[in-house]
């Protein structure tokens, strides 16, 4: 009975594997699968992210609550609307994420075209705790993003690359004590806190780079667009002037 109580105490303090470092080792040696796909078309899209990791069967997952996070670089041609993300969190939308900016910038100008914009680095923390299925840890998130307008050109589309993110993991025991806290720094702990650990082993990480075709205004249609625009505005002005004169004569 005393032995059982001692083992239970170890588990509650996050030491079921004999030492604090061994838990970090298990995370570092666990292979994670990351699947990303772009939903919708046009300038307003969503990024679906699914993450899963198969832990040793000896892990008592009932004692751990874990959450995934991503450190993601957004190229200049893409942006995330922070207000839109905040509304999703407020409305408790399933699969929503908390998004914050890294670096000196504390906002994203959503009106700028690609040529006047720069890349951003953001932190995405999954709103809900990840789910356990026996020793399999998994979760899914959906992040809306938008494409910036391109400068006109002769091509119909330009390619934009969304690079692979750094996958981060944070776990707490029943006492809400971090079981992954460490003193060394990686991209995750540097961006968030020492409670976060960067996942080292990603199955086929380079396959997660996403190529997106961004529509471009065609220069060869410039004269046609200018002619049509001039014609519509001229007709509108004439019609408005005619209406105003007619009202005065009544």
Protein backbone atom coordinates (compact mmCIF):
# COMPACT_ATOMS: atom_id res chain seq x y z
CA UNK A 1 0.00 0.00 0.00
CA UNK A 2 2.84 2.37 0.83
CA UNK A 3 4.55 1.48 -2.44
CA UNK A 4 1.36 2.27 -4.39
CA UNK A 5 1.02 5.63 -2.63
CA UNK A 6 4.64 6.46 -3.43
CA UNK A 7 4.17 5.61 -7.10
CA UNK A 8 0.99 7.68 -7.24
CA UNK A 9 2.83 10.64 -5.72
CA UNK A 10 5.54 10.35 -8.37
CA UNK A 11 2.97 10.36 -11.15
CA UNK A 12 1.19 13.41 -9.74
CA UNK A 13 4.46 15.32 -9.72
CA UNK A 14 5.16 14.34 -13.33
CA UNK A 15 7.89 11.82 -12.56
CA UNK A 16 6.30 8.54 -13.59
CA UNK A 17 9.31 7.80 -15.77
CA UNK A 18 11.86 8.07 -13.01
CA UNK A 19 13.25 11.53 -13.71
CA UNK A 20 12.17 14.90 -15.00
CA UNK A 21 14.61 14.70 -17.91
CA UNK A 22 13.20 11.36 -19.07
CA UNK A 23 9.87 12.99 -19.94
CA UNK A 24 11.69 15.52 -22.09
CA UNK A 25 13.59 12.66 -23.72
CA UNK A 26 10.35 10.85 -24.52
CA UNK A 27 8.92 13.93 -26.24
CA UNK A 28 12.16 14.49 -28.12
CA UNK A 29 12.21 10.88 -29.31
CA UNK A 30 8.51 10.68 -30.21
CA UNK A 31 7.70 10.98 -33.91
CA UNK A 32 4.92 13.41 -34.73
CA UNK A 33 2.84 13.60 -37.88
CA UNK A 34 1.87 17.06 -39.12
CA UNK A 35 -0.64 17.41 -41.93
CA UNK A 36 -1.56 20.80 -43.36
CA UNK A 37 -3.95 21.67 -46.16
CA UNK A 38 -5.41 24.87 -47.53
CA UNK A 39 -9.19 25.19 -47.59
CA UNK A 40 -11.23 27.48 -49.89
CA UNK A 41 -9.98 29.48 -52.88
CA UNK A 42 -9.35 33.09 -53.84
CA UNK A 43 -7.86 35.67 -51.49
CA UNK A 44 -9.58 34.46 -48.31
CA UNK A 45 -8.64 30.95 -47.21
CA UNK A 46 -8.11 28.74 -44.17
CA UNK A 47 -5.23 26.54 -43.09
CA UNK A 48 -6.19 23.22 -41.51
CA UNK A 49 -3.50 21.72 -39.28
CA UNK A 50 -3.65 18.19 -37.83
CA UNK A 51 -0.95 16.99 -35.41
CA UNK A 52 -0.54 13.57 -33.83
CA UNK A 53 2.17 11.76 -31.86
CA UNK A 54 2.39 8.13 -30.76
CA UNK A 55 3.80 7.95 -27.23
CA UNK A 56 4.97 4.80 -25.42
CA UNK A 57 2.10 2.62 -24.22
CA UNK A 58 3.51 2.80 -20.68
CA UNK A 59 2.60 6.49 -20.52
CA UNK A 60 -0.38 7.14 -18.24
CA UNK A 61 -2.07 9.73 -20.45
CA UNK A 62 -4.92 10.25 -17.98
CA UNK A 63 -2.55 12.26 -15.78
CA UNK A 64 -1.45 14.65 -18.53
CA UNK A 65 -3.16 17.55 -20.25
CA UNK A 66 -1.26 18.72 -23.29
CA UNK A 67 -1.62 21.50 -25.82
CA UNK A 68 -0.01 22.03 -29.21
CA UNK A 69 1.40 25.26 -30.54
CA UNK A 70 3.11 26.44 -33.72
CA UNK A 71 5.74 29.03 -34.45
CA UNK A 72 5.03 30.00 -38.04
CA UNK A 73 6.64 32.40 -40.50
CA UNK A 74 4.12 34.10 -42.79
CA UNK A 75 5.53 35.37 -46.09
CA UNK A 76 4.84 38.94 -47.17
CA UNK A 77 2.05 37.84 -49.48
CA UNK A 78 -0.06 36.43 -46.59
CA UNK A 79 -1.51 37.82 -43.40
CA UNK A 80 -3.71 36.82 -40.47
CA UNK A 81 -6.44 39.16 -39.24
CA UNK A 82 -5.92 39.25 -35.46
CA UNK A 83 -9.42 40.69 -34.90
CA UNK A 84 -10.95 37.81 -36.82
CA UNK A 85 -8.99 35.33 -34.69
CA UNK A 86 -10.12 37.09 -31.48
CA UNK A 87 -13.76 36.80 -32.58
CA UNK A 88 -13.33 33.06 -33.16
CA UNK A 89 -11.93 32.66 -29.65
CA UNK A 90 -14.72 34.77 -28.17
CA UNK A 91 -17.38 32.74 -29.96
CA UNK A 92 -15.69 29.48 -28.90
CA UNK A 93 -15.34 28.24 -32.48
CA UNK A 94 -14.06 24.62 -32.56
CA UNK A 95 -10.49 24.36 -33.75
CA UNK A 96 -9.70 28.02 -33.11
CA UNK A 97 -6.21 29.17 -32.15
CA UNK A 98 -4.76 32.03 -30.16
CA UNK A 99 -2.42 34.07 -32.37
CA UNK A 100 0.22 36.56 -31.27
CA UNK A 101 3.01 38.34 -33.13
CA UNK A 102 6.70 37.91 -32.42
CA UNK A 103 9.20 40.70 -32.67
CA UNK A 104 8.77 44.45 -32.36
CA UNK A 105 5.59 44.66 -34.45
CA UNK A 106 2.38 44.42 -32.45
CA UNK A 107 -0.05 44.60 -35.38
CA UNK A 108 -0.46 43.47 -38.98
CA UNK A 109 -1.51 46.06 -41.56
CA UNK A 110 -4.15 44.18 -43.51
CA UNK A 111 -4.48 46.86 -46.22
CA UNK A 112 -0.94 46.82 -47.54
CA UNK A 113 -0.16 45.10 -50.86
CA UNK A 114 2.58 42.51 -51.06
CA UNK A 115 5.22 44.94 -52.37
CA UNK A 116 4.82 47.17 -49.29
CA UNK A 117 4.72 44.31 -46.76
CA UNK A 118 7.24 42.10 -45.02
CA UNK A 119 7.19 38.62 -43.53
CA UNK A 120 5.78 38.08 -40.03
CA UNK A 121 6.53 35.47 -37.41
CA UNK A 122 3.53 34.41 -35.35
CA UNK A 123 2.76 32.06 -32.47
CA UNK A 124 -0.37 29.92 -32.79
CA UNK A 125 -1.55 28.14 -29.63
CA UNK A 126 -4.36 25.64 -30.01
CA UNK A 127 -7.34 26.80 -27.95
CA UNK A 128 -8.34 23.36 -26.66
CA UNK A 129 -6.32 20.63 -24.98
CA UNK A 130 -5.18 17.87 -27.31
CA UNK A 131 -7.07 14.58 -27.20
CA UNK A 132 -5.69 11.23 -26.07
CA UNK A 133 -6.65 7.96 -27.74
CA UNK A 134 -4.79 5.47 -25.55
CA UNK A 135 -1.17 6.63 -26.08
CA UNK A 136 -1.89 8.63 -29.25
CA UNK A 137 -1.99 12.41 -28.75
CA UNK A 138 -3.74 14.38 -31.49
CA UNK A 139 -5.46 17.67 -32.26
CA UNK A 140 -6.72 19.74 -35.17
CA UNK A 141 -6.97 23.48 -35.75
CA UNK A 142 -8.25 25.77 -38.50
CA UNK A 143 -6.61 29.17 -39.03
CA UNK A 144 -8.14 31.68 -41.47
CA UNK A 145 -5.61 33.65 -43.50
CA UNK A 146 -5.70 36.07 -46.40
CA UNK A 147 -3.61 36.81 -49.47
CA UNK A 148 -2.41 40.31 -50.24
CA UNK A 149 -2.88 41.96 -53.60
CA UNK A 150 0.00 41.57 -56.05
CA UNK A 151 1.51 44.19 -58.32
CA UNK A 152 0.25 43.75 -61.92
CA UNK A 153 2.24 41.53 -64.25
CA UNK A 154 2.06 39.47 -67.42
CA UNK A 155 1.49 36.21 -65.53
CA UNK A 156 -1.90 35.08 -64.21
CA UNK A 157 -0.58 33.75 -60.88
CA UNK A 158 2.49 33.99 -58.66
CA UNK A 159 3.66 31.30 -56.28
CA UNK A 160 3.80 31.96 -52.55
CA UNK A 161 5.42 29.50 -50.14
CA UNK A 162 4.15 28.90 -46.62
CA UNK A 163 7.13 27.23 -44.89
CA UNK A 164 6.92 24.38 -42.43
CA UNK A 165 6.24 25.53 -38.85
CA UNK A 166 8.02 24.62 -35.64
CA UNK A 167 5.70 22.32 -33.68
CA UNK A 168 5.57 22.97 -29.93
CA UNK A 169 4.13 20.95 -27.06
CA UNK A 170 3.21 21.84 -23.48
CA UNK A 171 1.98 19.31 -20.90
CA UNK A 172 0.74 19.68 -17.32
CA UNK A 173 -0.13 17.10 -14.70
CA UNK A 174 -3.25 17.12 -12.55
CA UNK A 175 -1.69 19.70 -10.24
CA UNK A 176 -1.21 22.00 -13.28
CA UNK A 177 2.53 21.65 -12.92
CA UNK A 178 4.51 21.69 -16.15
CA UNK A 179 6.18 18.37 -16.91
CA UNK A 180 8.23 19.74 -19.82
CA UNK A 181 9.77 22.83 -18.21
CA UNK A 182 13.47 23.12 -19.00
CA UNK A 183 16.29 25.60 -18.84
CA UNK A 184 17.61 25.26 -22.39
CA UNK A 185 16.14 27.42 -25.14
CA UNK A 186 14.65 26.46 -28.48
CA UNK A 187 12.36 28.24 -30.91
CA UNK A 188 9.27 27.31 -28.86
CA UNK A 189 10.50 28.23 -25.38
CA UNK A 190 12.07 31.41 -26.73
CA UNK A 191 8.79 32.45 -28.38
CA UNK A 192 6.48 31.44 -25.50
CA UNK A 193 7.90 30.17 -22.20
CA UNK A 194 10.13 27.47 -20.74
CA UNK A 195 7.03 25.26 -20.36
CA UNK A 196 7.03 24.67 -24.11
CA UNK A 197 9.19 22.10 -25.86
CA UNK A 198 9.99 22.00 -29.57
CA UNK A 199 9.13 18.71 -31.25
CA UNK A 200 12.26 17.38 -32.92
CA UNK A 201 11.02 14.44 -34.93
CA UNK A 202 8.51 15.29 -37.65
CA UNK A 203 7.61 12.65 -40.23
CA UNK A 204 8.67 14.03 -43.62
CA UNK A 205 8.91 17.68 -42.45
CA UNK A 206 9.72 19.14 -45.89
CA UNK A 207 6.43 17.87 -47.29
CA UNK A 208 4.68 20.45 -45.12
CA UNK A 209 5.81 23.39 -47.23
CA UNK A 210 2.72 24.67 -49.01
CA UNK A 211 2.73 26.32 -52.43
CA UNK A 212 -0.16 28.71 -53.08
CA UNK A 213 -1.05 30.30 -56.40
CA UNK A 214 -1.89 33.98 -55.86
CA UNK A 215 -3.96 35.78 -58.55
CA UNK A 216 -2.18 38.65 -60.32
CA UNK A 217 -3.68 41.61 -62.17
CA UNK A 218 -2.87 41.24 -65.88
CA UNK A 219 -0.98 44.14 -67.44
CA UNK A 220 -2.17 43.16 -70.92
CA UNK A 221 -5.72 43.95 -69.82
CA UNK A 222 -4.77 47.35 -68.38
CA UNK A 223 -6.08 49.39 -71.32
CA UNK A 224 -9.35 47.46 -71.40
CA UNK A 225 -9.90 47.95 -67.67
CA UNK A 226 -9.09 51.67 -67.90
CA UNK A 227 -11.48 52.12 -70.85
CA UNK A 228 -14.34 50.26 -69.15
CA UNK A 229 -13.76 52.09 -65.84
CA UNK A 230 -13.73 55.46 -67.60
CA UNK A 231 -16.88 54.59 -69.49
CA UNK A 232 -18.79 53.48 -66.38
CA UNK A 233 -17.76 56.49 -64.32
CA UNK A 234 -18.60 58.88 -67.18
CA UNK A 235 -22.04 57.35 -67.64
CA UNK A 236 -22.64 57.51 -63.89
CA UNK A 237 -21.62 61.17 -63.75
CA UNK A 238 -23.90 62.05 -66.68
CA UNK A 239 -26.83 60.20 -65.15
CA UNK A 240 -26.28 61.84 -61.75
CA UNK A 241 -26.05 65.31 -63.34
CA UNK A 242 -29.22 64.67 -65.31
CA UNK A 243 -31.10 63.62 -62.14
CA UNK A 244 -29.91 66.71 -60.25
CA UNK A 245 -30.98 69.08 -63.07
CA UNK A 246 -34.35 67.35 -63.34
CA UNK A 247 -34.96 67.72 -59.58
CA UNK A 248 -34.21 71.45 -59.75
CA UNK A 249 -36.67 71.99 -62.57
CA UNK A 250 -39.55 70.41 -60.63
